[in-house]
N, C-alpha and C. Protein backbone atom coordinates (compact mmCIF):
# COMPACT_ATOMS: atom_id res chain seq x y z
N MET A 1 0.84 -1.19 0.00
CA MET A 1 0.00 0.00 0.00
C MET A 1 0.88 1.24 0.00
N SER A 2 0.50 2.24 -0.74
CA SER A 2 1.27 3.47 -0.84
C SER A 2 1.12 4.31 0.41
N SER A 3 2.16 5.06 0.72
CA SER A 3 2.08 5.97 1.85
C SER A 3 1.26 7.18 1.46
N PRO A 4 0.66 7.90 2.45
CA PRO A 4 -0.14 9.07 2.13
C PRO A 4 0.62 10.13 1.35
N SER A 5 1.93 10.28 1.61
CA SER A 5 2.68 11.31 0.90
C SER A 5 2.81 11.00 -0.59
N ARG A 6 2.82 9.71 -0.95
CA ARG A 6 2.92 9.36 -2.36
C ARG A 6 1.60 9.55 -3.09
N THR A 7 0.48 9.43 -2.38
CA THR A 7 -0.81 9.50 -3.05
C THR A 7 -1.47 10.87 -2.92
N ARG A 8 -0.92 11.75 -2.12
CA ARG A 8 -1.51 13.06 -1.90
C ARG A 8 -1.51 13.90 -3.17
N ILE A 9 -2.62 14.56 -3.38
CA ILE A 9 -2.76 15.47 -4.52
C ILE A 9 -3.11 16.84 -3.98
N LEU A 10 -2.37 17.83 -4.39
CA LEU A 10 -2.68 19.21 -4.03
C LEU A 10 -3.72 19.71 -5.02
N LEU A 11 -4.86 20.13 -4.51
CA LEU A 11 -5.91 20.72 -5.34
C LEU A 11 -5.96 22.21 -5.04
N ILE A 12 -5.77 23.02 -6.08
CA ILE A 12 -5.81 24.48 -5.93
C ILE A 12 -7.04 24.99 -6.67
N GLY A 13 -7.97 25.55 -5.92
CA GLY A 13 -9.14 26.20 -6.50
C GLY A 13 -8.84 27.67 -6.66
N VAL A 14 -8.80 28.14 -7.91
CA VAL A 14 -8.43 29.52 -8.20
C VAL A 14 -9.69 30.34 -8.47
N GLY A 15 -9.71 31.55 -7.95
CA GLY A 15 -10.82 32.43 -8.29
C GLY A 15 -11.13 33.46 -7.24
N ASN A 16 -12.05 34.32 -7.62
CA ASN A 16 -12.52 35.39 -6.75
C ASN A 16 -14.03 35.25 -6.61
N PRO A 17 -14.52 34.88 -5.43
CA PRO A 17 -15.95 34.68 -5.24
C PRO A 17 -16.80 35.94 -5.43
N LEU A 18 -16.17 37.10 -5.54
CA LEU A 18 -16.90 38.34 -5.72
C LEU A 18 -17.06 38.72 -7.19
N ARG A 19 -16.54 37.87 -8.11
CA ARG A 19 -16.59 38.17 -9.54
C ARG A 19 -17.38 37.12 -10.32
N GLY A 20 -18.58 36.83 -9.91
CA GLY A 20 -19.45 35.92 -10.65
C GLY A 20 -18.85 34.55 -10.83
N ASP A 21 -18.71 34.14 -12.09
CA ASP A 21 -18.23 32.80 -12.41
C ASP A 21 -16.75 32.59 -12.11
N ASP A 22 -16.05 33.65 -11.76
CA ASP A 22 -14.65 33.49 -11.35
C ASP A 22 -14.56 32.64 -10.09
N ALA A 23 -15.68 32.42 -9.43
CA ALA A 23 -15.73 31.60 -8.21
C ALA A 23 -15.76 30.10 -8.51
N ALA A 24 -15.71 29.70 -9.77
CA ALA A 24 -15.81 28.28 -10.13
C ALA A 24 -14.75 27.43 -9.43
N GLY A 25 -13.51 27.86 -9.46
CA GLY A 25 -12.44 27.09 -8.82
C GLY A 25 -12.62 26.98 -7.32
N ALA A 26 -13.10 28.07 -6.70
CA ALA A 26 -13.35 28.05 -5.25
C ALA A 26 -14.49 27.09 -4.92
N LEU A 27 -15.51 27.03 -5.76
CA LEU A 27 -16.61 26.09 -5.52
C LEU A 27 -16.11 24.65 -5.62
N VAL A 28 -15.31 24.35 -6.62
CA VAL A 28 -14.77 22.99 -6.75
C VAL A 28 -13.93 22.65 -5.52
N ALA A 29 -13.10 23.58 -5.07
CA ALA A 29 -12.29 23.34 -3.87
C ALA A 29 -13.18 23.04 -2.67
N LYS A 30 -14.26 23.79 -2.50
CA LYS A 30 -15.18 23.57 -1.39
C LYS A 30 -15.84 22.19 -1.49
N LEU A 31 -16.27 21.82 -2.69
CA LEU A 31 -16.92 20.52 -2.88
C LEU A 31 -15.98 19.37 -2.55
N ILE A 32 -14.72 19.48 -2.95
CA ILE A 32 -13.75 18.43 -2.64
C ILE A 32 -13.42 18.44 -1.15
N ARG A 33 -13.22 19.62 -0.59
CA ARG A 33 -12.92 19.73 0.84
C ARG A 33 -14.04 19.12 1.68
N ASP A 34 -15.29 19.37 1.29
CA ASP A 34 -16.43 18.84 2.04
C ASP A 34 -16.50 17.33 2.03
N ARG A 35 -15.85 16.69 1.07
CA ARG A 35 -15.84 15.22 1.00
C ARG A 35 -14.84 14.60 1.97
N ASN A 36 -13.95 15.42 2.55
CA ASN A 36 -12.95 14.93 3.51
C ASN A 36 -12.15 13.76 2.95
N CYS A 37 -11.74 13.86 1.71
CA CYS A 37 -10.99 12.80 1.05
C CYS A 37 -9.50 12.93 1.42
N PRO A 38 -8.93 11.93 2.07
CA PRO A 38 -7.53 12.03 2.52
C PRO A 38 -6.51 12.12 1.40
N SER A 39 -6.89 11.81 0.18
CA SER A 39 -5.95 11.89 -0.95
C SER A 39 -5.67 13.33 -1.36
N PHE A 40 -6.52 14.26 -0.92
CA PHE A 40 -6.41 15.65 -1.37
C PHE A 40 -6.05 16.60 -0.24
N CYS A 41 -5.14 17.51 -0.56
CA CYS A 41 -4.89 18.70 0.25
C CYS A 41 -5.49 19.83 -0.58
N VAL A 42 -6.49 20.52 -0.04
CA VAL A 42 -7.24 21.51 -0.81
C VAL A 42 -6.91 22.92 -0.32
N VAL A 43 -6.57 23.78 -1.26
CA VAL A 43 -6.33 25.19 -0.95
C VAL A 43 -7.05 26.06 -1.98
N GLU A 44 -7.32 27.29 -1.60
CA GLU A 44 -7.90 28.26 -2.52
C GLU A 44 -6.91 29.39 -2.69
N GLN A 45 -6.82 29.91 -3.92
CA GLN A 45 -5.93 31.02 -4.21
C GLN A 45 -6.62 31.97 -5.18
N ASN A 46 -6.08 33.18 -5.26
CA ASN A 46 -6.67 34.17 -6.15
C ASN A 46 -6.12 34.10 -7.57
N GLY A 47 -5.11 33.29 -7.82
CA GLY A 47 -4.59 33.12 -9.17
C GLY A 47 -3.32 33.89 -9.47
N GLU A 48 -2.74 34.54 -8.48
CA GLU A 48 -1.50 35.25 -8.69
C GLU A 48 -0.39 34.22 -8.92
N GLY A 49 0.37 34.40 -10.01
CA GLY A 49 1.31 33.40 -10.47
C GLY A 49 2.38 32.96 -9.50
N ILE A 50 3.02 33.90 -8.83
CA ILE A 50 4.09 33.54 -7.89
C ILE A 50 3.52 32.70 -6.75
N SER A 51 2.35 33.05 -6.25
CA SER A 51 1.72 32.27 -5.18
C SER A 51 1.40 30.85 -5.64
N LEU A 52 0.96 30.70 -6.88
CA LEU A 52 0.71 29.37 -7.42
C LEU A 52 2.00 28.56 -7.49
N MET A 53 3.05 29.18 -7.98
CA MET A 53 4.34 28.50 -8.08
C MET A 53 4.84 28.07 -6.71
N GLU A 54 4.67 28.93 -5.71
CA GLU A 54 5.09 28.58 -4.35
C GLU A 54 4.26 27.43 -3.80
N ALA A 55 2.98 27.42 -4.10
CA ALA A 55 2.09 26.37 -3.60
C ALA A 55 2.46 25.00 -4.16
N TRP A 56 2.81 24.94 -5.45
CA TRP A 56 3.09 23.63 -6.03
C TRP A 56 4.58 23.28 -6.06
N ALA A 57 5.43 24.15 -5.52
CA ALA A 57 6.89 23.97 -5.61
C ALA A 57 7.37 22.62 -5.08
N SER A 58 6.83 22.15 -4.00
CA SER A 58 7.32 20.90 -3.40
C SER A 58 6.36 19.73 -3.62
N GLU A 59 5.41 19.90 -4.50
CA GLU A 59 4.39 18.88 -4.74
C GLU A 59 4.72 18.05 -5.98
N GLN A 60 4.31 16.80 -5.95
CA GLN A 60 4.49 15.91 -7.09
C GLN A 60 3.26 15.87 -7.98
N ARG A 61 2.06 15.93 -7.35
CA ARG A 61 0.80 15.81 -8.08
C ARG A 61 -0.09 16.99 -7.72
N VAL A 62 -0.49 17.75 -8.75
CA VAL A 62 -1.26 18.96 -8.53
C VAL A 62 -2.39 19.05 -9.55
N ILE A 63 -3.56 19.47 -9.06
CA ILE A 63 -4.69 19.79 -9.91
C ILE A 63 -5.08 21.23 -9.61
N VAL A 64 -5.24 22.03 -10.65
CA VAL A 64 -5.67 23.42 -10.50
C VAL A 64 -6.99 23.57 -11.25
N VAL A 65 -7.94 24.29 -10.64
CA VAL A 65 -9.23 24.56 -11.28
C VAL A 65 -9.42 26.07 -11.32
N ASP A 66 -9.78 26.58 -12.50
CA ASP A 66 -9.96 28.01 -12.68
C ASP A 66 -11.04 28.25 -13.73
N ALA A 67 -11.66 29.40 -13.66
CA ALA A 67 -12.61 29.83 -14.70
C ALA A 67 -11.81 30.29 -15.91
N VAL A 68 -12.36 30.08 -17.09
CA VAL A 68 -11.70 30.50 -18.32
C VAL A 68 -12.66 31.33 -19.17
N SER A 69 -12.10 32.00 -20.16
CA SER A 69 -12.89 32.83 -21.05
C SER A 69 -12.50 32.52 -22.49
N SER A 70 -13.47 32.04 -23.25
CA SER A 70 -13.23 31.72 -24.66
C SER A 70 -14.55 31.87 -25.40
N ASP A 71 -14.57 31.38 -26.60
CA ASP A 71 -15.80 31.44 -27.40
C ASP A 71 -16.70 30.22 -27.21
N PHE A 72 -16.32 29.33 -26.31
CA PHE A 72 -17.15 28.16 -26.05
C PHE A 72 -18.33 28.54 -25.16
N SER A 73 -19.32 27.67 -25.09
CA SER A 73 -20.52 27.91 -24.28
C SER A 73 -20.18 27.91 -22.79
N PRO A 74 -20.88 28.75 -22.01
CA PRO A 74 -20.67 28.74 -20.56
C PRO A 74 -20.85 27.33 -19.99
N GLY A 75 -19.94 26.95 -19.12
CA GLY A 75 -19.99 25.63 -18.51
C GLY A 75 -19.15 24.59 -19.24
N THR A 76 -18.57 24.94 -20.39
CA THR A 76 -17.69 24.00 -21.09
C THR A 76 -16.49 23.71 -20.20
N ILE A 77 -16.11 22.45 -20.13
CA ILE A 77 -15.01 22.01 -19.28
C ILE A 77 -13.79 21.69 -20.14
N PHE A 78 -12.64 22.19 -19.72
CA PHE A 78 -11.37 21.91 -20.38
C PHE A 78 -10.50 21.15 -19.38
N ARG A 79 -9.67 20.25 -19.89
CA ARG A 79 -8.71 19.55 -19.04
C ARG A 79 -7.38 19.48 -19.79
N PHE A 80 -6.32 19.92 -19.12
CA PHE A 80 -4.99 19.91 -19.73
C PHE A 80 -4.02 19.23 -18.78
N GLU A 81 -3.21 18.35 -19.33
CA GLU A 81 -2.08 17.76 -18.61
C GLU A 81 -0.88 18.59 -19.03
N VAL A 82 -0.56 19.64 -18.27
CA VAL A 82 0.41 20.63 -18.75
C VAL A 82 1.86 20.17 -18.65
N THR A 83 2.10 19.04 -18.02
CA THR A 83 3.45 18.49 -18.11
C THR A 83 3.69 17.88 -19.48
N GLN A 84 2.61 17.63 -20.23
CA GLN A 84 2.69 17.04 -21.56
C GLN A 84 2.58 18.09 -22.68
N GLU A 85 1.94 19.22 -22.39
CA GLU A 85 1.66 20.21 -23.43
C GLU A 85 1.55 21.60 -22.80
N PRO A 86 1.79 22.66 -23.58
CA PRO A 86 1.64 24.01 -23.04
C PRO A 86 0.17 24.30 -22.70
N LEU A 87 -0.02 25.17 -21.73
CA LEU A 87 -1.36 25.61 -21.34
C LEU A 87 -1.78 26.73 -22.28
N ARG A 88 -3.00 26.65 -22.77
CA ARG A 88 -3.52 27.68 -23.68
C ARG A 88 -3.76 28.98 -22.90
N GLY A 89 -2.88 29.93 -23.06
CA GLY A 89 -2.99 31.20 -22.36
C GLY A 89 -4.19 32.02 -22.80
N ASP A 90 -4.67 31.80 -24.03
CA ASP A 90 -5.80 32.58 -24.53
C ASP A 90 -7.08 32.31 -23.74
N LEU A 91 -7.15 31.19 -23.03
CA LEU A 91 -8.35 30.88 -22.24
C LEU A 91 -8.42 31.71 -20.96
N PHE A 92 -7.30 32.30 -20.55
CA PHE A 92 -7.23 32.99 -19.27
C PHE A 92 -7.11 34.50 -19.45
N ARG A 93 -7.70 35.02 -20.51
CA ARG A 93 -7.55 36.44 -20.83
C ARG A 93 -8.32 37.38 -19.90
N ASN A 94 -9.23 36.89 -19.08
CA ASN A 94 -9.95 37.75 -18.14
C ASN A 94 -9.31 37.78 -16.76
N SER A 95 -8.11 37.24 -16.64
CA SER A 95 -7.43 37.27 -15.36
C SER A 95 -7.13 38.71 -14.97
N THR A 96 -7.19 39.00 -13.69
CA THR A 96 -6.83 40.33 -13.21
C THR A 96 -5.34 40.40 -12.89
N HIS A 97 -4.61 39.31 -13.17
CA HIS A 97 -3.18 39.25 -12.87
C HIS A 97 -2.36 39.34 -14.14
N ALA A 98 -1.35 40.19 -14.13
CA ALA A 98 -0.43 40.27 -15.26
C ALA A 98 0.41 39.01 -15.32
N PHE A 99 0.65 38.39 -14.17
CA PHE A 99 1.40 37.14 -14.08
C PHE A 99 0.49 36.13 -13.40
N GLY A 100 -0.27 35.40 -14.20
CA GLY A 100 -1.28 34.49 -13.68
C GLY A 100 -0.92 33.03 -13.92
N LEU A 101 -1.93 32.19 -14.00
CA LEU A 101 -1.75 30.75 -14.14
C LEU A 101 -0.94 30.35 -15.37
N PRO A 102 -1.27 30.82 -16.57
CA PRO A 102 -0.48 30.38 -17.74
C PRO A 102 1.00 30.77 -17.62
N GLU A 103 1.25 31.97 -17.13
CA GLU A 103 2.63 32.43 -16.97
C GLU A 103 3.36 31.62 -15.90
N ALA A 104 2.66 31.28 -14.81
CA ALA A 104 3.25 30.47 -13.74
C ALA A 104 3.62 29.08 -14.26
N VAL A 105 2.74 28.50 -15.07
CA VAL A 105 3.03 27.17 -15.64
C VAL A 105 4.26 27.25 -16.53
N GLU A 106 4.29 28.22 -17.42
CA GLU A 106 5.40 28.26 -18.38
C GLU A 106 6.72 28.67 -17.74
N LEU A 107 6.68 29.54 -16.72
CA LEU A 107 7.92 29.87 -16.01
C LEU A 107 8.41 28.64 -15.24
N SER A 108 7.50 27.94 -14.60
CA SER A 108 7.88 26.71 -13.89
C SER A 108 8.48 25.71 -14.86
N ARG A 109 7.89 25.60 -16.05
CA ARG A 109 8.43 24.69 -17.06
C ARG A 109 9.85 25.11 -17.45
N ALA A 110 10.05 26.41 -17.71
CA ALA A 110 11.36 26.91 -18.12
C ALA A 110 12.41 26.70 -17.04
N LEU A 111 11.99 26.78 -15.78
CA LEU A 111 12.92 26.59 -14.66
C LEU A 111 13.03 25.13 -14.24
N ASP A 112 12.35 24.25 -14.97
CA ASP A 112 12.30 22.82 -14.65
C ASP A 112 11.77 22.60 -13.22
N ARG A 113 10.69 23.33 -12.90
CA ARG A 113 10.08 23.24 -11.57
C ARG A 113 8.59 22.92 -11.61
N LEU A 114 8.14 22.34 -12.70
CA LEU A 114 6.75 21.87 -12.74
C LEU A 114 6.63 20.66 -11.84
N PRO A 115 5.48 20.49 -11.19
CA PRO A 115 5.25 19.23 -10.48
C PRO A 115 5.35 18.07 -11.46
N HIS A 116 5.59 16.88 -10.94
CA HIS A 116 5.68 15.69 -11.80
C HIS A 116 4.43 15.55 -12.66
N GLN A 117 3.26 15.82 -12.06
CA GLN A 117 1.99 15.81 -12.79
C GLN A 117 1.22 17.06 -12.41
N LEU A 118 0.80 17.81 -13.42
CA LEU A 118 0.04 19.04 -13.21
C LEU A 118 -1.13 19.04 -14.19
N VAL A 119 -2.32 18.91 -13.63
CA VAL A 119 -3.55 18.90 -14.43
C VAL A 119 -4.28 20.21 -14.16
N ILE A 120 -4.70 20.86 -15.23
CA ILE A 120 -5.48 22.10 -15.12
C ILE A 120 -6.87 21.84 -15.66
N TYR A 121 -7.88 22.12 -14.84
CA TYR A 121 -9.26 22.11 -15.30
C TYR A 121 -9.69 23.56 -15.47
N GLY A 122 -10.25 23.88 -16.62
CA GLY A 122 -10.82 25.20 -16.86
C GLY A 122 -12.32 25.06 -17.07
N ILE A 123 -13.08 25.98 -16.51
CA ILE A 123 -14.53 25.99 -16.69
C ILE A 123 -14.90 27.30 -17.37
N GLN A 124 -15.50 27.19 -18.56
CA GLN A 124 -15.89 28.38 -19.31
C GLN A 124 -16.90 29.20 -18.52
N ALA A 125 -16.55 30.44 -18.25
CA ALA A 125 -17.42 31.35 -17.50
C ALA A 125 -18.45 32.02 -18.40
N LYS A 126 -19.50 32.48 -17.77
CA LYS A 126 -20.52 33.27 -18.45
C LYS A 126 -20.30 34.75 -18.16
N SER A 127 -19.97 35.06 -16.90
CA SER A 127 -19.80 36.46 -16.49
C SER A 127 -18.75 36.57 -15.38
N PHE A 128 -17.89 37.56 -15.50
CA PHE A 128 -16.92 37.87 -14.45
C PHE A 128 -17.30 39.18 -13.74
N GLU A 129 -18.55 39.58 -13.88
CA GLU A 129 -19.00 40.85 -13.34
C GLU A 129 -18.95 40.85 -11.81
N ILE A 130 -18.42 41.93 -11.26
CA ILE A 130 -18.30 42.07 -9.81
C ILE A 130 -19.68 42.09 -9.17
N GLY A 131 -19.82 41.32 -8.11
CA GLY A 131 -21.06 41.31 -7.34
C GLY A 131 -22.13 40.37 -7.85
N THR A 132 -21.85 39.62 -8.91
CA THR A 132 -22.86 38.69 -9.42
C THR A 132 -22.61 37.29 -8.85
N ALA A 133 -23.65 36.48 -8.89
CA ALA A 133 -23.56 35.10 -8.40
C ALA A 133 -23.03 34.20 -9.50
N LEU A 134 -22.64 33.02 -9.11
CA LEU A 134 -22.23 31.98 -10.05
C LEU A 134 -23.40 31.64 -10.97
N SER A 135 -23.17 31.55 -12.26
CA SER A 135 -24.25 31.19 -13.19
C SER A 135 -24.60 29.71 -13.02
N ASP A 136 -25.81 29.35 -13.40
CA ASP A 136 -26.26 27.96 -13.31
C ASP A 136 -25.37 27.04 -14.12
N GLU A 137 -24.98 27.47 -15.33
CA GLU A 137 -24.14 26.64 -16.19
C GLU A 137 -22.79 26.33 -15.54
N VAL A 138 -22.21 27.35 -14.94
CA VAL A 138 -20.89 27.17 -14.32
C VAL A 138 -21.00 26.38 -13.03
N GLU A 139 -22.05 26.58 -12.28
CA GLU A 139 -22.23 25.77 -11.06
C GLU A 139 -22.38 24.29 -11.41
N THR A 140 -23.15 24.00 -12.44
CA THR A 140 -23.32 22.60 -12.90
C THR A 140 -21.97 22.03 -13.33
N ALA A 141 -21.21 22.81 -14.10
CA ALA A 141 -19.90 22.36 -14.56
C ALA A 141 -18.94 22.16 -13.40
N ALA A 142 -18.98 23.04 -12.40
CA ALA A 142 -18.10 22.90 -11.23
C ALA A 142 -18.39 21.60 -10.50
N ARG A 143 -19.65 21.25 -10.37
CA ARG A 143 -20.01 19.98 -9.73
C ARG A 143 -19.50 18.79 -10.53
N GLU A 144 -19.56 18.90 -11.85
CA GLU A 144 -19.04 17.83 -12.72
C GLU A 144 -17.52 17.73 -12.59
N VAL A 145 -16.83 18.86 -12.55
CA VAL A 145 -15.38 18.85 -12.40
C VAL A 145 -15.01 18.22 -11.06
N ALA A 146 -15.72 18.55 -9.99
CA ALA A 146 -15.44 17.93 -8.69
C ALA A 146 -15.61 16.41 -8.79
N ARG A 147 -16.65 15.96 -9.47
CA ARG A 147 -16.87 14.52 -9.63
C ARG A 147 -15.70 13.89 -10.39
N ARG A 148 -15.24 14.55 -11.45
CA ARG A 148 -14.12 14.02 -12.22
C ARG A 148 -12.84 14.00 -11.40
N ILE A 149 -12.62 15.05 -10.63
CA ILE A 149 -11.40 15.14 -9.82
C ILE A 149 -11.35 14.03 -8.79
N LEU A 150 -12.47 13.67 -8.24
CA LEU A 150 -12.48 12.59 -7.25
C LEU A 150 -12.05 11.26 -7.86
N LYS A 151 -12.06 11.17 -9.19
CA LYS A 151 -11.56 9.98 -9.88
C LYS A 151 -10.09 10.11 -10.26
N GLU A 152 -9.52 11.31 -10.16
CA GLU A 152 -8.15 11.56 -10.59
C GLU A 152 -7.09 10.77 -9.82
N PRO A 153 -7.22 10.53 -8.51
CA PRO A 153 -6.13 9.81 -7.82
C PRO A 153 -5.76 8.50 -8.50
N GLU A 154 -6.74 7.76 -8.99
CA GLU A 154 -6.45 6.51 -9.70
C GLU A 154 -5.65 6.78 -10.97
N LEU A 155 -6.03 7.82 -11.70
CA LEU A 155 -5.35 8.14 -12.94
C LEU A 155 -3.94 8.65 -12.69
N LEU A 156 -3.79 9.51 -11.70
CA LEU A 156 -2.51 10.15 -11.45
C LEU A 156 -1.48 9.19 -10.86
N GLN A 157 -1.91 8.10 -10.26
CA GLN A 157 -0.94 7.18 -9.66
C GLN A 157 -0.30 6.26 -10.69
N ASP A 158 -0.92 6.10 -11.84
CA ASP A 158 -0.39 5.20 -12.85
C ASP A 158 -0.06 6.01 -14.10
N LYS A 159 1.15 6.53 -14.18
CA LYS A 159 1.56 7.39 -15.29
C LYS A 159 1.50 6.65 -16.62
N ALA A 160 1.60 5.34 -16.59
CA ALA A 160 1.56 4.56 -17.83
C ALA A 160 0.12 4.40 -18.35
N ASN A 161 -0.85 4.81 -17.56
CA ASN A 161 -2.25 4.66 -17.93
C ASN A 161 -2.53 5.55 -19.15
N PRO A 162 -2.93 4.97 -20.27
CA PRO A 162 -3.13 5.78 -21.48
C PRO A 162 -4.32 6.72 -21.40
N THR A 163 -5.16 6.60 -20.39
CA THR A 163 -6.29 7.52 -20.29
C THR A 163 -5.94 8.80 -19.55
N LEU A 164 -4.70 8.91 -19.05
CA LEU A 164 -4.32 10.06 -18.24
C LEU A 164 -4.54 11.38 -18.96
N ASP A 165 -4.15 11.48 -20.21
CA ASP A 165 -4.32 12.75 -20.90
C ASP A 165 -5.39 12.63 -21.98
N ARG A 166 -6.46 11.94 -21.66
CA ARG A 166 -7.54 11.67 -22.59
C ARG A 166 -8.38 12.88 -22.91
N ASP A 167 -8.39 13.90 -22.06
CA ASP A 167 -9.35 15.00 -22.21
C ASP A 167 -8.69 16.29 -22.63
N ARG A 168 -7.88 16.28 -23.63
CA ARG A 168 -7.23 17.52 -24.07
C ARG A 168 -8.18 18.44 -24.79
N ARG A 169 -9.30 17.92 -25.24
CA ARG A 169 -10.25 18.75 -25.97
C ARG A 169 -11.33 19.26 -25.02
N PRO A 170 -11.98 20.36 -25.35
CA PRO A 170 -13.05 20.87 -24.49
C PRO A 170 -14.23 19.90 -24.43
N HIS A 171 -14.91 19.93 -23.30
CA HIS A 171 -16.08 19.06 -23.11
C HIS A 171 -17.27 19.90 -22.71
N GLY A 172 -18.43 19.48 -23.13
CA GLY A 172 -19.67 20.08 -22.65
C GLY A 172 -20.08 19.41 -21.36
N ASN A 173 -21.25 19.71 -20.89
CA ASN A 173 -21.70 19.19 -19.60
C ASN A 173 -22.76 18.11 -19.73
N ALA A 174 -22.77 17.39 -20.79
CA ALA A 174 -23.80 16.38 -21.00
C ALA A 174 -23.77 15.31 -19.93
């Protein structure tokens, strides 16, 4: 049986609960935290790049969840295994940080400081307007992402598993 340190996954929920759908990552973090799953260490962050890099600096397995902005329908789910491929920076254009998640990933890559496994889930937002609530589409997607993440420990423990990077394309919420 593996020790807890080998199976632990750091889950970082990124977002600002005061900016509508930007709270998607925070909701996923809360949903996972509420499950009291010993495989996960759950933290919430605002998405500032240096803080993200510091959080994952000593970790082997990391999952980050953040709201994204693209031309896809609200609630569309993206999954990237960024140790295998670059993170699409164009999805994070509504970040309030000049040095945010995409920049943190690529600087970590350049410095050879990416975690052994780093999975990014993005949830297409409907609105980042200050003072608005999470949209129904994004709340539904956040619940789906939490469900998927609870299955990740099995995937992340077996790097030879060919399904590990199965979801490089965007997904709807069917």
